[in-house]
Amino acid sequence: MEFEWDQDKSDACFSERGFDFAYVLRAFVDADRLIRKDTRWNYGEDRYQLLGAIDGRVFFVAYTIRGSVFRIISARKANQREVNDYENGTCKN
């Protein structure tokens, strides 16, 4: 898999949350990760939401796919509802 992101957004994530987009790439290789399509808005492109664990902590990653490249849009620690979805193996919008 090839990944890209806006470096300014990644730097802002690090400043605000203590991790950058490179760190959350590990969530993509979590064997128990959950992925759902984000259908809340028309973004002009398909967007996806991933829930995946890194060192025992569940993270939420929003991304899109452009050609063969995964573009990270945002990342954060998962909220309690998302952690429950992950632990139950379900994804609800």
PDB file of N, CA and C in Angstrom:
ATOM      1  N   MET A   1       0.833  -1.180   0.000  1.00  0.00           N
ATOM      2  CA  MET A   1       0.000   0.000   0.000  1.00  0.00           C
ATOM      3  C   MET A   1       0.880   1.247   0.000  1.00  0.00           C
ATOM      4  N   GLU A   2       0.463   2.217  -0.774  1.00  0.00           N
ATOM      5  CA  GLU A   2       1.152   3.505  -0.800  1.00  0.00           C
ATOM      6  C   GLU A   2       0.259   4.544  -0.124  1.00  0.00           C
ATOM      7  N   PHE A   3       0.876   5.399   0.697  1.00  0.00           N
ATOM      8  CA  PHE A   3       0.132   6.404   1.453  1.00  0.00           C
ATOM      9  C   PHE A   3       0.682   7.797   1.177  1.00  0.00           C
ATOM     10  N   GLU A   4      -0.215   8.790   1.324  1.00  0.00           N
ATOM     11  CA  GLU A   4       0.190  10.186   1.255  1.00  0.00           C
ATOM     12  C   GLU A   4      -0.718  10.989   2.176  1.00  0.00           C
ATOM     13  N   TRP A   5      -0.312  12.211   2.478  1.00  0.00           N
ATOM     14  CA  TRP A   5      -1.117  13.108   3.294  1.00  0.00           C
ATOM     15  C   TRP A   5      -0.565  14.515   3.173  1.00  0.00           C
ATOM     16  N   ASP A   6      -1.358  15.457   3.636  1.00  0.00           N
ATOM     17  CA  ASP A   6      -0.950  16.853   3.722  1.00  0.00           C
ATOM     18  C   ASP A   6      -0.067  16.980   4.965  1.00  0.00           C
ATOM     19  N   GLN A   7       1.185  17.357   4.778  1.00  0.00           N
ATOM     20  CA  GLN A   7       2.121  17.398   5.900  1.00  0.00           C
ATOM     21  C   GLN A   7       1.706  18.415   6.957  1.00  0.00           C
ATOM     22  N   ASP A   8       1.106  19.533   6.542  1.00  0.00           N
ATOM     23  CA  ASP A   8       0.642  20.519   7.523  1.00  0.00           C
ATOM     24  C   ASP A   8      -0.445  19.927   8.422  1.00  0.00           C
ATOM     25  N   LYS A   9      -1.354  19.133   7.841  1.00  0.00           N
ATOM     26  CA  LYS A   9      -2.401  18.492   8.648  1.00  0.00           C
ATOM     27  C   LYS A   9      -1.799  17.450   9.589  1.00  0.00           C
ATOM     28  N   SER A  10      -0.807  16.726   9.105  1.00  0.00           N
ATOM     29  CA  SER A  10      -0.138  15.742   9.954  1.00  0.00           C
ATOM     30  C   SER A  10       0.578  16.428  11.116  1.00  0.00           C
ATOM     31  N   ASP A  11       1.244  17.539  10.827  1.00  0.00           N
ATOM     32  CA  ASP A  11       1.927  18.295  11.880  1.00  0.00           C
ATOM     33  C   ASP A  11       0.927  18.839  12.899  1.00  0.00           C
ATOM     34  N   ALA A  12      -0.221  19.321  12.412  1.00  0.00           N
ATOM     35  CA  ALA A  12      -1.260  19.825  13.316  1.00  0.00           C
ATOM     36  C   ALA A  12      -1.796  18.702  14.197  1.00  0.00           C
ATOM     37  N   CYS A  13      -1.964  17.523  13.627  1.00  0.00           N
ATOM     38  CA  CYS A  13      -2.414  16.361  14.396  1.00  0.00           C
ATOM     39  C   CYS A  13      -1.407  16.062  15.510  1.00  0.00           C
ATOM     40  N   PHE A  14      -0.129  16.114  15.178  1.00  0.00           N
ATOM     41  CA  PHE A  14       0.896  15.858  16.184  1.00  0.00           C
ATOM     42  C   PHE A  14       0.843  16.902  17.299  1.00  0.00           C
ATOM     43  N   SER A  15       0.694  18.164  16.914  1.00  0.00           N
ATOM     44  CA  SER A  15       0.642  19.243  17.911  1.00  0.00           C
ATOM     45  C   SER A  15      -0.567  19.116  18.822  1.00  0.00           C
ATOM     46  N   GLU A  16      -1.714  18.749  18.241  1.00  0.00           N
ATOM     47  CA  GLU A  16      -2.964  18.691  18.997  1.00  0.00           C
ATOM     48  C   GLU A  16      -3.176  17.365  19.718  1.00  0.00           C
ATOM     49  N   ARG A  17      -2.674  16.266  19.132  1.00  0.00           N
ATOM     50  CA  ARG A  17      -3.034  14.940  19.640  1.00  0.00           C
ATOM     51  C   ARG A  17      -1.850  14.073  20.046  1.00  0.00           C
ATOM     52  N   GLY A  18      -0.644  14.506  19.722  1.00  0.00           N
ATOM     53  CA  GLY A  18       0.532  13.768  20.155  1.00  0.00           C
ATOM     54  C   GLY A  18       0.991  12.662  19.224  1.00  0.00           C
ATOM     55  N   PHE A  19       0.403  12.562  18.042  1.00  0.00           N
ATOM     56  CA  PHE A  19       0.841  11.587  17.044  1.00  0.00           C
ATOM     57  C   PHE A  19       0.600  12.175  15.665  1.00  0.00           C
ATOM     58  N   ASP A  20       1.374  11.702  14.691  1.00  0.00           N
ATOM     59  CA  ASP A  20       1.205  12.193  13.326  1.00  0.00           C
ATOM     60  C   ASP A  20       0.589  11.105  12.454  1.00  0.00           C
ATOM     61  N   PHE A  21       0.360  11.429  11.191  1.00  0.00           N
ATOM     62  CA  PHE A  21      -0.290  10.480  10.294  1.00  0.00           C
ATOM     63  C   PHE A  21       0.584   9.248  10.035  1.00  0.00           C
ATOM     64  N   ALA A  22       1.893   9.411  10.041  1.00  0.00           N
ATOM     65  CA  ALA A  22       2.769   8.251   9.846  1.00  0.00           C
ATOM     66  C   ALA A  22       2.535   7.211  10.944  1.00  0.00           C
ATOM     67  N   TYR A  23       2.300   7.661  12.161  1.00  0.00           N
ATOM     68  CA  TYR A  23       2.064   6.746  13.279  1.00  0.00           C
ATOM     69  C   TYR A  23       0.810   5.905  13.053  1.00  0.00           C
ATOM     70  N   VAL A  24      -0.274   6.533  12.571  1.00  0.00           N
ATOM     71  CA  VAL A  24      -1.542   5.805  12.453  1.00  0.00           C
ATOM     72  C   VAL A  24      -1.581   4.847  11.265  1.00  0.00           C
ATOM     73  N   LEU A  25      -0.554   4.848  10.433  1.00  0.00           N
ATOM     74  CA  LEU A  25      -0.507   3.859   9.351  1.00  0.00           C
ATOM     75  C   LEU A  25      -0.533   2.445   9.915  1.00  0.00           C
ATOM     76  N   ARG A  26      -0.072   2.281  11.130  1.00  0.00           N
ATOM     77  CA  ARG A  26      -0.065   0.963  11.771  1.00  0.00           C
ATOM     78  C   ARG A  26      -1.475   0.405  11.943  1.00  0.00           C
ATOM     79  N   ALA A  27      -2.485   1.281  12.020  1.00  0.00           N
ATOM     80  CA  ALA A  27      -3.873   0.822  12.155  1.00  0.00           C
ATOM     81  C   ALA A  27      -4.330   0.066  10.912  1.00  0.00           C
ATOM     82  N   PHE A  28      -3.738   0.366   9.766  1.00  0.00           N
ATOM     83  CA  PHE A  28      -4.119  -0.297   8.521  1.00  0.00           C
ATOM     84  C   PHE A  28      -3.705  -1.770   8.494  1.00  0.00           C
ATOM     85  N   VAL A  29      -2.744  -2.160   9.301  1.00  0.00           N
ATOM     86  CA  VAL A  29      -2.294  -3.558   9.316  1.00  0.00           C
ATOM     87  C   VAL A  29      -2.864  -4.348  10.493  1.00  0.00           C
ATOM     88  N   ASP A  30      -3.737  -3.730  11.264  1.00  0.00           N
ATOM     89  CA  ASP A  30      -4.426  -4.434  12.346  1.00  0.00           C
ATOM     90  C   ASP A  30      -5.347  -5.484  11.718  1.00  0.00           C
ATOM     91  N   ALA A  31      -5.137  -6.737  12.048  1.00  0.00           N
ATOM     92  CA  ALA A  31      -5.948  -7.822  11.471  1.00  0.00           C
ATOM     93  C   ALA A  31      -7.429  -7.682  11.816  1.00  0.00           C
ATOM     94  N   ASP A  32      -7.741  -6.985  12.894  1.00  0.00           N
ATOM     95  CA  ASP A  32      -9.130  -6.811  13.327  1.00  0.00           C
ATOM     96  C   ASP A  32      -9.715  -5.454  12.935  1.00  0.00           C
ATOM     97  N   ARG A  33      -9.017  -4.720  12.079  1.00  0.00           N
ATOM     98  CA  ARG A  33      -9.494  -3.383  11.698  1.00  0.00           C
ATOM     99  C   ARG A  33     -10.881  -3.463  11.076  1.00  0.00           C
ATOM    100  N   LEU A  34     -11.624  -2.374  11.237  1.00  0.00           N
ATOM    101  CA  LEU A  34     -12.950  -2.247  10.633  1.00  0.00           C
ATOM    102  C   LEU A  34     -12.927  -1.046   9.703  1.00  0.00           C
ATOM    103  N   ILE A  35     -13.537  -1.198   8.540  1.00  0.00           N
ATOM    104  CA  ILE A  35     -13.589  -0.110   7.564  1.00  0.00           C
ATOM    105  C   ILE A  35     -15.025   0.063   7.118  1.00  0.00           C
ATOM    106  N   ARG A  36     -15.461   1.320   7.073  1.00  0.00           N
ATOM    107  CA  ARG A  36     -16.793   1.627   6.562  1.00  0.00           C
ATOM    108  C   ARG A  36     -16.693   2.831   5.635  1.00  0.00           C
ATOM    109  N   LYS A  37     -17.584   2.882   4.679  1.00  0.00           N
ATOM    110  CA  LYS A  37     -17.647   4.028   3.780  1.00  0.00           C
ATOM    111  C   LYS A  37     -18.329   5.174   4.512  1.00  0.00           C
ATOM    112  N   ASP A  38     -17.798   6.374   4.369  1.00  0.00           N
ATOM    113  CA  ASP A  38     -18.386   7.567   4.982  1.00  0.00           C
ATOM    114  C   ASP A  38     -19.443   8.113   4.033  1.00  0.00           C
ATOM    115  N   THR A  39     -20.704   7.949   4.410  1.00  0.00           N
ATOM    116  CA  THR A  39     -21.819   8.376   3.556  1.00  0.00           C
ATOM    117  C   THR A  39     -22.536   9.603   4.113  1.00  0.00           C
ATOM    118  N   ARG A  40     -21.943  10.276   5.089  1.00  0.00           N
ATOM    119  CA  ARG A  40     -22.605  11.417   5.719  1.00  0.00           C
ATOM    120  C   ARG A  40     -22.755  12.605   4.779  1.00  0.00           C
ATOM    121  N   TRP A  41     -21.817  12.806   3.874  1.00  0.00           N
ATOM    122  CA  TRP A  41     -21.811  13.949   2.972  1.00  0.00           C
ATOM    123  C   TRP A  41     -21.364  13.501   1.586  1.00  0.00           C
ATOM    124  N   ASN A  42     -21.610  14.339   0.597  1.00  0.00           N
ATOM    125  CA  ASN A  42     -21.040  14.130  -0.729  1.00  0.00           C
ATOM    126  C   ASN A  42     -19.731  14.911  -0.771  1.00  0.00           C
ATOM    127  N   TYR A  43     -18.634  14.205  -0.652  1.00  0.00           N
ATOM    128  CA  TYR A  43     -17.318  14.834  -0.617  1.00  0.00           C
ATOM    129  C   TYR A  43     -16.728  15.027  -2.016  1.00  0.00           C
ATOM    130  N   GLY A  44     -17.416  14.514  -3.028  1.00  0.00           N
ATOM    131  CA  GLY A  44     -16.869  14.563  -4.374  1.00  0.00           C
ATOM    132  C   GLY A  44     -15.934  13.404  -4.658  1.00  0.00           C
ATOM    133  N   GLU A  45     -15.721  12.563  -3.678  1.00  0.00           N
ATOM    134  CA  GLU A  45     -14.917  11.349  -3.809  1.00  0.00           C
ATOM    135  C   GLU A  45     -15.331  10.417  -2.680  1.00  0.00           C
ATOM    136  N   ASP A  46     -15.105   9.137  -2.846  1.00  0.00           N
ATOM    137  CA  ASP A  46     -15.413   8.183  -1.780  1.00  0.00           C
ATOM    138  C   ASP A  46     -14.440   8.386  -0.625  1.00  0.00           C
ATOM    139  N   ARG A  47     -14.997   8.407   0.570  1.00  0.00           N
ATOM    140  CA  ARG A  47     -14.178   8.496   1.779  1.00  0.00           C
ATOM    141  C   ARG A  47     -14.513   7.328   2.687  1.00  0.00           C
ATOM    142  N   TYR A  48     -13.513   6.923   3.450  1.00  0.00           N
ATOM    143  CA  TYR A  48     -13.645   5.763   4.311  1.00  0.00           C
ATOM    144  C   TYR A  48     -13.199   6.102   5.725  1.00  0.00           C
ATOM    145  N   GLN A  49     -13.752   5.338   6.675  1.00  0.00           N
ATOM    146  CA  GLN A  49     -13.397   5.471   8.080  1.00  0.00           C
ATOM    147  C   GLN A  49     -12.859   4.126   8.546  1.00  0.00           C
ATOM    148  N   LEU A  50     -11.689   4.147   9.128  1.00  0.00           N
ATOM    149  CA  LEU A  50     -11.047   2.934   9.613  1.00  0.00           C
ATOM    150  C   LEU A  50     -10.942   3.003  11.128  1.00  0.00           C
ATOM    151  N   LEU A  51     -11.270   1.905  11.784  1.00  0.00           N
ATOM    152  CA  LEU A  51     -11.012   1.733  13.211  1.00  0.00           C
ATOM    153  C   LEU A  51      -9.979   0.629  13.334  1.00  0.00           C
ATOM    154  N   GLY A  52      -8.851   0.941  13.940  1.00  0.00           N
ATOM    155  CA  GLY A  52      -7.800  -0.049  14.089  1.00  0.00           C
ATOM    156  C   GLY A  52      -6.996   0.210  15.348  1.00  0.00           C
ATOM    157  N   ALA A  53      -6.463  -0.849  15.924  1.00  0.00           N
ATOM    158  CA  ALA A  53      -5.720  -0.732  17.180  1.00  0.00           C
ATOM    159  C   ALA A  53      -4.224  -0.605  16.923  1.00  0.00           C
ATOM    160  N   ILE A  54      -3.613   0.228  17.745  1.00  0.00           N
ATOM    161  CA  ILE A  54      -2.162   0.393  17.768  1.00  0.00           C
ATOM    162  C   ILE A  54      -1.748   0.300  19.229  1.00  0.00           C
ATOM    163  N   ASP A  55      -0.948  -0.695  19.552  1.00  0.00           N
ATOM    164  CA  ASP A  55      -0.486  -0.882  20.933  1.00  0.00           C
ATOM    165  C   ASP A  55      -1.635  -0.860  21.932  1.00  0.00           C
ATOM    166  N   GLY A  56      -2.748  -1.511  21.576  1.00  0.00           N
ATOM    167  CA  GLY A  56      -3.875  -1.656  22.484  1.00  0.00           C
ATOM    168  C   GLY A  56      -4.834  -0.480  22.524  1.00  0.00           C
ATOM    169  N   ARG A  57      -4.578   0.563  21.763  1.00  0.00           N
ATOM    170  CA  ARG A  57      -5.445   1.750  21.717  1.00  0.00           C
ATOM    171  C   ARG A  57      -6.096   1.820  20.345  1.00  0.00           C
ATOM    172  N   VAL A  58      -7.418   2.039  20.306  1.00  0.00           N
ATOM    173  CA  VAL A  58      -8.145   2.100  19.035  1.00  0.00           C
ATOM    174  C   VAL A  58      -8.078   3.521  18.480  1.00  0.00           C
ATOM    175  N   PHE A  59      -7.793   3.602  17.192  1.00  0.00           N
ATOM    176  CA  PHE A  59      -7.721   4.880  16.487  1.00  0.00           C
ATOM    177  C   PHE A  59      -8.746   4.922  15.369  1.00  0.00           C
ATOM    178  N   PHE A  60      -9.193   6.139  15.067  1.00  0.00           N
ATOM    179  CA  PHE A  60     -10.098   6.425  13.956  1.00  0.00           C
ATOM    180  C   PHE A  60      -9.274   7.141  12.888  1.00  0.00           C
ATOM    181  N   VAL A  61      -9.322   6.635  11.650  1.00  0.00           N
ATOM    182  CA  VAL A  61      -8.596   7.258  10.547  1.00  0.00           C
ATOM    183  C   VAL A  61      -9.562   7.469   9.391  1.00  0.00           C
ATOM    184  N   ALA A  62      -9.655   8.700   8.910  1.00  0.00           N
ATOM    185  CA  ALA A  62     -10.448   9.010   7.719  1.00  0.00           C
ATOM    186  C   ALA A  62      -9.484   9.081   6.539  1.00  0.00           C
ATOM    187  N   TYR A  63      -9.877   8.459   5.428  1.00  0.00           N
ATOM    188  CA  TYR A  63      -8.997   8.449   4.260  1.00  0.00           C
ATOM    189  C   TYR A  63      -9.811   8.309   2.987  1.00  0.00           C
ATOM    190  N   THR A  64      -9.154   8.545   1.869  1.00  0.00           N
ATOM    191  CA  THR A  64      -9.728   8.319   0.552  1.00  0.00           C
ATOM    192  C   THR A  64      -8.694   7.567  -0.271  1.00  0.00           C
ATOM    193  N   ILE A  65      -9.112   7.050  -1.397  1.00  0.00           N
ATOM    194  CA  ILE A  65      -8.185   6.355  -2.288  1.00  0.00           C
ATOM    195  C   ILE A  65      -8.178   7.107  -3.608  1.00  0.00           C
ATOM    196  N   ARG A  66      -7.007   7.549  -4.013  1.00  0.00           N
ATOM    197  CA  ARG A  66      -6.834   8.255  -5.282  1.00  0.00           C
ATOM    198  C   ARG A  66      -5.900   7.419  -6.145  1.00  0.00           C
ATOM    199  N   GLY A  67      -6.506   6.793  -7.161  1.00  0.00           N
ATOM    200  CA  GLY A  67      -5.728   5.839  -7.954  1.00  0.00           C
ATOM    201  C   GLY A  67      -5.386   4.657  -7.076  1.00  0.00           C
ATOM    202  N   SER A  68      -4.102   4.421  -6.879  1.00  0.00           N
ATOM    203  CA  SER A  68      -3.663   3.323  -6.012  1.00  0.00           C
ATOM    204  C   SER A  68      -3.088   3.838  -4.693  1.00  0.00           C
ATOM    205  N   VAL A  69      -3.279   5.128  -4.421  1.00  0.00           N
ATOM    206  CA  VAL A  69      -2.689   5.752  -3.235  1.00  0.00           C
ATOM    207  C   VAL A  69      -3.765   6.026  -2.187  1.00  0.00           C
ATOM    208  N   PHE A  70      -3.488   5.625  -0.957  1.00  0.00           N
ATOM    209  CA  PHE A  70      -4.363   5.914   0.176  1.00  0.00           C
ATOM    210  C   PHE A  70      -3.963   7.285   0.724  1.00  0.00           C
ATOM    211  N   ARG A  71      -4.901   8.231   0.722  1.00  0.00           N
ATOM    212  CA  ARG A  71      -4.619   9.582   1.227  1.00  0.00           C
ATOM    213  C   ARG A  71      -5.295   9.760   2.582  1.00  0.00           C
ATOM    214  N   ILE A  72      -4.482   9.960   3.614  1.00  0.00           N
ATOM    215  CA  ILE A  72      -4.987  10.171   4.964  1.00  0.00           C
ATOM    216  C   ILE A  72      -5.566  11.586   5.044  1.00  0.00           C
ATOM    217  N   ILE A  73      -6.783  11.684   5.553  1.00  0.00           N
ATOM    218  CA  ILE A  73      -7.457  12.972   5.695  1.00  0.00           C
ATOM    219  C   ILE A  73      -7.381  13.462   7.134  1.00  0.00           C
ATOM    220  N   SER A  74      -7.639  12.571   8.083  1.00  0.00           N
ATOM    221  CA  SER A  74      -7.559  12.938   9.499  1.00  0.00           C
ATOM    222  C   SER A  74      -7.399  11.678  10.332  1.00  0.00           C
ATOM    223  N   ALA A  75      -6.986  11.878  11.577  1.00  0.00           N
ATOM    224  CA  ALA A  75      -6.810  10.755  12.498  1.00  0.00           C
ATOM    225  C   ALA A  75      -6.964  11.263  13.925  1.00  0.00           C
ATOM    226  N   ARG A  76      -7.491  10.385  14.769  1.00  0.00           N
ATOM    227  CA  ARG A  76      -7.658  10.714  16.190  1.00  0.00           C
ATOM    228  C   ARG A  76      -7.828   9.416  16.962  1.00  0.00           C
ATOM    229  N   LYS A  77      -7.742   9.510  18.274  1.00  0.00           N
ATOM    230  CA  LYS A  77      -8.077   8.368  19.111  1.00  0.00           C
ATOM    231  C   LYS A  77      -9.580   8.160  19.008  1.00  0.00           C
ATOM    232  N   ALA A  78     -10.001   6.918  18.941  1.00  0.00           N
ATOM    233  CA  ALA A  78     -11.424   6.596  18.810  1.00  0.00           C
ATOM    234  C   ALA A  78     -12.181   6.995  20.068  1.00  0.00           C
ATOM    235  N   ASN A  79     -13.433   7.427  19.871  1.00  0.00           N
ATOM    236  CA  ASN A  79     -14.286   7.718  21.024  1.00  0.00           C
ATOM    237  C   ASN A  79     -14.876   6.404  21.549  1.00  0.00           C
ATOM    238  N   GLN A  80     -15.593   6.458  22.657  1.00  0.00           N
ATOM    239  CA  GLN A  80     -16.079   5.236  23.301  1.00  0.00           C
ATOM    240  C   GLN A  80     -17.022   4.439  22.405  1.00  0.00           C
ATOM    241  N   ARG A  81     -17.897   5.108  21.673  1.00  0.00           N
ATOM    242  CA  ARG A  81     -18.802   4.394  20.764  1.00  0.00           C
ATOM    243  C   ARG A  81     -18.005   3.646  19.699  1.00  0.00           C
ATOM    244  N   GLU A  82     -16.981   4.294  19.170  1.00  0.00           N
ATOM    245  CA  GLU A  82     -16.145   3.662  18.147  1.00  0.00           C
ATOM    246  C   GLU A  82     -15.339   2.506  18.724  1.00  0.00           C
ATOM    247  N   VAL A  83     -14.856   2.655  19.941  1.00  0.00           N
ATOM    248  CA  VAL A  83     -14.152   1.548  20.606  1.00  0.00           C
ATOM    249  C   VAL A  83     -15.100   0.366  20.767  1.00  0.00           C
ATOM    250  N   ASN A  84     -16.339   0.632  21.181  1.00  0.00           N
ATOM    251  CA  ASN A  84     -17.332  -0.442  21.316  1.00  0.00           C
ATOM    252  C   ASN A  84     -17.596  -1.110  19.972  1.00  0.00           C
ATOM    253  N   ASP A  85     -17.740  -0.311  18.906  1.00  0.00           N
ATOM    254  CA  ASP A  85     -17.925  -0.874  17.562  1.00  0.00           C
ATOM    255  C   ASP A  85     -16.760  -1.790  17.208  1.00  0.00           C
ATOM    256  N   TYR A  86     -15.551  -1.322  17.478  1.00  0.00           N
ATOM    257  CA  TYR A  86     -14.357  -2.106  17.176  1.00  0.00           C
ATOM    258  C   TYR A  86     -14.351  -3.415  17.970  1.00  0.00           C
ATOM    259  N   GLU A  87     -14.622  -3.312  19.256  1.00  0.00           N
ATOM    260  CA  GLU A  87     -14.589  -4.499  20.115  1.00  0.00           C
ATOM    261  C   GLU A  87     -15.678  -5.498  19.754  1.00  0.00           C
ATOM    262  N   ASN A  88     -16.811  -5.000  19.245  1.00  0.00           N
ATOM    263  CA  ASN A  88     -17.915  -5.877  18.846  1.00  0.00           C
ATOM    264  C   ASN A  88     -17.836  -6.297  17.386  1.00  0.00           C
ATOM    265  N   GLY A  89     -16.840  -5.780  16.674  1.00  0.00           N
ATOM    266  CA  GLY A  89     -16.678  -6.137  15.267  1.00  0.00           C
ATOM    267  C   GLY A  89     -17.762  -5.574  14.376  1.00  0.00           C
ATOM    268  N   THR A  90     -18.329  -4.438  14.777  1.00  0.00           N
ATOM    269  CA  THR A  90     -19.394  -3.819  13.989  1.00  0.00           C
ATOM    270  C   THR A  90     -19.023  -2.383  13.665  1.00  0.00           C
ATOM    271  N   CYS A  91     -19.548  -1.889  12.563  1.00  0.00           N
ATOM    272  CA  CYS A  91     -19.375  -0.483  12.184  1.00  0.00           C
ATOM    273  C   CYS A  91     -20.736   0.106  11.920  1.00  0.00           C
ATOM    274  N   LYS A  92     -21.073   1.130  12.668  1.00  0.00           N
ATOM    275  CA  LYS A  92     -22.360   1.802  12.483  1.00  0.00           C
ATOM    276  C   LYS A  92     -22.100   3.249  12.118  1.00  0.00           C
ATOM    277  N   ASN A  93     -22.871   3.762  11.173  1.00  0.00           N
ATOM    278  CA  ASN A  93     -22.760   5.185  10.821  1.00  0.00           C
ATOM    279  C   ASN A  93     -23.639   5.996  11.723  1.00  0.00           C
TER     280      ASN A  93
END
